[in-house]
Amino acid sequence: MGRIKSLMVKRAAKQINAQTTTFTEGYEHNKKLLGKGLLPSKSIRNKIAGYIARMNKMKRLFSEREARRLAREEEKKAKLAEIAAKMQSQDIQAA
């Protein structure tokens, strides 16, 4: 159907992800890290592994988006400074 996760899965995934930094965006890798003895059932383990992978992917996408936004702002400031310098030089030449 969709990406609807139960509150228990979300809470467990956030707690587990906060405790260890070895989880990645890879579902299979996360599933192996969670292991067979840690969680009560295979389906819950799979749901948590998938949610952790999704959380890590969203974190990466958000940081990339933020970096692009900051780069655009710096580029805009540089262009405005260039325009201001041109206008100032034209004012000096006109005087």
Foldseek 3Di string as FASTA:
>chain_A
DDLDDDPVLVVVLVVVCVVDVPQELDLVVQLVVCPDPNDDDSVSSSNSSNVNSVVRVVVVVVVVVVVVVVVVVVVVVVVVVVVVVVVVVVVVVVD
